[in-house]
Amino acid sequence: MRGVSAAQKRAAPVPELPRFRAPVVFGTLLLLFAVLIVRSLYLQWIDNAFLQEQGSSRYSREIDVPAHRGRIVDRMGEPLAISTPVKSIWAFPGQVEAPPEKLALLKEFLGGCGLNYLDRFNRRANLGYWVRASETGRGVATRAVRLLIDWAARETDLDRLEIVVALDNNASLRVAEKAGAVREGVLRHRLWIHGVAHDAAVFSILLRAEP
């Protein structure tokens, strides 16, 4: 019996795999491999913006940093004054393109008044003003300065406003005094006007209660 069993085992036929299975599996793998090659070539040479974007997002960042025009620091490197950009509007009559009815409104423009040279570290700013020659003597600048002082006290965290006026500018000196600014002294050669140095009076307005 043992001999018969051994002979039967040796004579048992080996099951055959379907003939089409191996070619199908091999062809499928070959096709997938070809698709991967085509896809990689497409991304590398034709549509590579996606890969570049993904790479940049992992290794680079765009951060908006406000640029300062300059600052003054002490010997320890601590900032004492920082000059920051401010928004300004300039109008040149000869270059203004507007219909006649809009240009007529420019005749009602009296002058300008604003804050500049902001020192955020020390919470101070310079207050400047000017009035067109045809509108002087009407108290326009004084009213504008008072309104600006009220606005700065209400809408900003500034503590001190400074007005610097050339000593020979009597009209501007009177405006500072009428607006309630306190004259603190005279600085020699504080202003340069048309290439000439001028001594200037310094006025101050405190927006917060003194400690």
Protein backbone atom coordinates (compact mmCIF):
# COMPACT_ATOMS: atom_id res chain seq x y z
CA MET A 1 0.00 0.00 0.00
CA ARG A 2 2.82 2.28 0.82
CA GLY A 3 4.35 1.66 -2.57
CA VAL A 4 1.09 2.33 -4.32
CA SER A 5 0.55 5.52 -2.42
CA ALA A 6 4.04 6.77 -3.29
CA ALA A 7 3.55 5.92 -6.92
CA GLN A 8 0.19 7.67 -6.99
CA LYS A 9 1.73 10.79 -5.48
CA ARG A 10 4.48 10.79 -8.06
CA ALA A 11 2.00 10.28 -10.84
CA ALA A 12 -0.48 12.94 -9.64
CA PRO A 13 -0.72 15.71 -12.27
CA VAL A 14 0.37 19.24 -11.29
CA PRO A 15 -2.51 21.76 -11.65
CA GLU A 16 -1.91 24.25 -14.44
CA LEU A 17 -2.52 27.96 -13.97
CA PRO A 18 -4.65 29.77 -16.52
CA ARG A 19 -2.47 30.76 -19.43
CA PHE A 20 -3.83 34.31 -19.60
CA ARG A 21 -3.23 35.16 -15.89
CA ALA A 22 0.52 35.78 -16.06
CA PRO A 23 0.36 38.03 -19.15
CA VAL A 24 -2.49 40.03 -17.65
CA VAL A 25 -0.70 40.58 -14.34
CA PHE A 26 2.56 41.43 -16.06
CA GLY A 27 0.82 43.77 -18.52
CA THR A 28 -1.08 45.54 -15.70
CA LEU A 29 2.11 46.14 -13.75
CA LEU A 30 3.87 47.36 -16.88
CA LEU A 31 0.99 49.73 -17.65
CA LEU A 32 0.99 51.20 -14.12
CA PHE A 33 4.75 51.64 -14.31
CA ALA A 34 4.41 53.46 -17.63
CA VAL A 35 1.68 55.71 -16.18
CA LEU A 36 3.95 56.65 -13.28
CA ILE A 37 6.80 57.47 -15.65
CA VAL A 38 4.56 59.62 -17.85
CA ARG A 39 3.10 61.38 -14.81
CA SER A 40 6.51 62.14 -13.34
CA LEU A 41 7.80 63.50 -16.65
CA TYR A 42 4.67 65.64 -17.02
CA LEU A 43 5.08 67.16 -13.55
CA GLN A 44 8.81 67.69 -13.97
CA TRP A 45 8.89 69.26 -17.43
CA ILE A 46 5.41 70.46 -18.41
CA ASP A 47 3.29 71.29 -15.39
CA ASN A 48 5.92 71.86 -12.71
CA ALA A 49 4.13 74.79 -11.01
CA PHE A 50 2.41 72.40 -8.61
CA LEU A 51 5.69 70.88 -7.39
CA GLN A 52 7.32 74.27 -7.06
CA GLU A 53 4.36 75.58 -5.06
CA GLN A 54 4.43 72.61 -2.74
CA GLY A 55 8.16 72.92 -2.24
CA SER A 56 7.98 76.64 -1.57
CA SER A 57 5.18 76.17 0.94
CA ARG A 58 7.42 73.89 2.97
CA TYR A 59 10.64 75.88 2.87
CA SER A 60 9.65 79.54 2.41
CA ARG A 61 7.19 82.01 3.87
CA GLU A 62 6.09 85.48 2.83
CA ILE A 63 5.75 87.82 5.81
CA ASP A 64 4.73 91.44 5.48
CA VAL A 65 7.11 93.50 7.61
CA PRO A 66 6.42 97.25 7.79
CA ALA A 67 9.53 99.12 6.69
CA HIS A 68 10.71 101.99 8.83
CA ARG A 69 12.54 104.89 7.25
CA GLY A 70 14.94 105.02 10.18
CA ARG A 71 15.20 104.94 13.93
CA ILE A 72 17.32 106.31 16.74
CA VAL A 73 18.59 103.93 19.43
CA ASP A 74 20.50 104.38 22.65
CA ARG A 75 23.81 102.72 23.48
CA MET A 76 21.98 99.60 24.63
CA GLY A 77 20.19 99.28 21.31
CA GLU A 78 16.80 100.30 22.67
CA PRO A 79 14.78 102.45 20.24
CA LEU A 80 14.33 106.06 21.25
CA ALA A 81 12.53 107.28 18.14
CA ILE A 82 11.13 105.46 15.12
CA SER A 83 10.16 107.27 11.96
CA THR A 84 7.23 105.51 10.33
CA PRO A 85 5.66 106.10 6.92
CA VAL A 86 2.51 108.19 6.88
CA LYS A 87 -0.17 108.54 4.26
CA SER A 88 -0.23 111.85 2.43
CA ILE A 89 -2.30 113.40 -0.30
CA TRP A 90 -0.71 115.85 -2.71
CA ALA A 91 -2.47 117.86 -5.39
CA PHE A 92 -0.81 119.78 -8.19
CA PRO A 93 -3.32 122.18 -9.78
CA GLY A 94 -1.69 121.96 -13.19
CA GLN A 95 -1.97 118.16 -13.21
CA VAL A 96 -5.42 117.68 -11.75
CA GLU A 97 -7.82 116.13 -14.25
CA ALA A 98 -11.38 116.95 -13.22
CA PRO A 99 -14.49 118.57 -14.67
CA PRO A 100 -14.94 122.33 -14.11
CA GLU A 101 -17.46 121.84 -11.31
CA LYS A 102 -14.96 119.70 -9.40
CA LEU A 103 -12.13 122.15 -9.98
CA ALA A 104 -14.33 124.90 -8.56
CA LEU A 105 -14.35 123.04 -5.25
CA LEU A 106 -10.58 123.47 -5.00
CA LYS A 107 -11.16 127.18 -4.53
CA GLU A 108 -12.72 126.35 -1.19
CA PHE A 109 -9.59 124.49 -0.01
CA LEU A 110 -8.19 126.59 2.83
CA GLY A 111 -4.98 124.82 3.79
CA GLY A 112 -3.70 121.77 5.60
CA CYS A 113 -3.15 120.49 9.13
CA GLY A 114 -1.77 117.14 10.23
CA LEU A 115 0.52 115.04 12.37
CA ASN A 116 3.89 113.80 11.20
CA TYR A 117 7.23 112.50 12.51
CA LEU A 118 5.40 110.00 14.70
CA ASP A 119 7.50 108.69 17.60
CA ARG A 120 5.47 105.70 18.73
CA PHE A 121 7.98 104.64 21.36
CA ASN A 122 7.70 107.96 23.21
CA ARG A 123 4.10 108.60 22.12
CA ARG A 124 4.69 111.95 20.53
CA ALA A 125 4.29 113.56 17.14
CA ASN A 126 4.87 116.83 15.35
CA LEU A 127 1.86 118.99 14.51
CA GLY A 128 2.09 121.05 11.36
CA TYR A 129 -0.24 123.43 9.58
CA TRP A 130 -0.37 125.87 6.71
CA VAL A 131 -2.97 128.18 5.17
CA ARG A 132 -3.18 129.40 1.60
CA ALA A 133 -2.18 133.04 1.25
CA SER A 134 -5.67 134.20 0.25
CA GLU A 135 -7.21 132.78 3.44
CA THR A 136 -4.85 134.04 6.15
CA GLY A 137 -6.07 136.20 9.00
CA ARG A 138 -9.41 134.40 9.36
CA GLY A 139 -8.52 132.04 12.21
CA VAL A 140 -8.64 129.02 9.95
CA ALA A 141 -5.38 127.51 11.21
CA THR A 142 -6.26 128.01 14.88
CA ARG A 143 -9.58 126.21 14.50
CA ALA A 144 -7.98 123.40 12.53
CA VAL A 145 -5.24 122.92 15.15
CA ARG A 146 -7.78 122.76 17.96
CA LEU A 147 -9.84 120.18 16.09
CA LEU A 148 -6.75 118.10 15.40
CA ILE A 149 -5.71 118.22 19.06
CA ASP A 150 -9.15 117.01 20.14
CA TRP A 151 -9.03 114.22 17.57
CA ALA A 152 -5.52 113.09 18.61
CA ALA A 153 -6.55 112.98 22.28
CA ARG A 154 -9.65 110.95 21.46
CA GLU A 155 -8.46 108.60 18.72
CA THR A 156 -4.75 107.98 19.41
CA ASP A 157 -2.53 106.95 22.30
CA LEU A 158 -0.17 109.90 21.77
CA ASP A 159 0.80 111.83 24.86
CA ARG A 160 2.63 114.85 23.47
CA LEU A 161 2.34 117.00 20.38
CA GLU A 162 5.06 119.42 19.34
CA ILE A 163 4.84 122.50 17.14
CA VAL A 164 8.11 123.84 15.76
CA VAL A 165 7.90 127.34 14.25
CA ALA A 166 10.60 129.58 12.81
CA LEU A 167 11.06 132.68 14.96
CA ASP A 168 10.37 135.03 12.06
CA ASN A 169 7.03 133.33 11.24
CA ASN A 170 4.84 135.55 13.40
CA ALA A 171 1.54 134.26 12.00
CA SER A 172 2.36 130.63 12.85
CA LEU A 173 3.63 131.66 16.28
CA ARG A 174 0.29 133.30 17.04
CA VAL A 175 -1.59 130.20 15.87
CA ALA A 176 0.34 127.97 18.28
CA GLU A 177 -0.29 130.35 21.16
CA LYS A 178 -4.02 130.76 20.41
CA ALA A 179 -4.43 126.99 20.11
CA GLY A 180 -3.22 126.62 23.70
CA ALA A 181 0.27 125.27 23.07
CA VAL A 182 2.93 126.01 25.70
CA ARG A 183 6.13 127.64 24.49
CA GLU A 184 9.08 125.72 25.90
CA GLY A 185 12.07 127.44 24.39
CA VAL A 186 14.12 128.22 21.31
CA LEU A 187 16.29 125.78 19.39
CA ARG A 188 19.11 127.27 17.36
CA HIS A 189 19.29 126.30 13.69
CA ARG A 190 16.38 123.93 14.19
CA LEU A 191 14.85 124.50 10.74
CA TRP A 192 16.36 124.80 7.28
CA ILE A 193 14.15 126.77 4.91
CA HIS A 194 15.26 127.31 1.31
CA GLY A 195 18.82 126.41 2.25
CA VAL A 196 19.00 128.85 5.18
CA ALA A 197 19.15 127.83 8.85
CA HIS A 198 16.51 129.35 11.15
CA ASP A 199 16.14 129.35 14.91
CA ALA A 200 12.78 127.92 15.95
CA ALA A 201 10.43 128.10 18.88
CA VAL A 202 9.18 124.81 20.27
CA PHE A 203 5.62 124.50 21.59
CA SER A 204 4.04 121.49 23.24
CA ILE A 205 0.55 120.18 23.87
CA LEU A 206 0.02 117.42 26.45
CA LEU A 207 -2.91 115.20 25.57
CA ARG A 208 -2.96 113.28 28.85
CA ALA A 209 -3.15 114.50 32.42
CA GLU A 210 0.23 115.12 33.96
CA PRO A 211 1.19 112.53 36.64
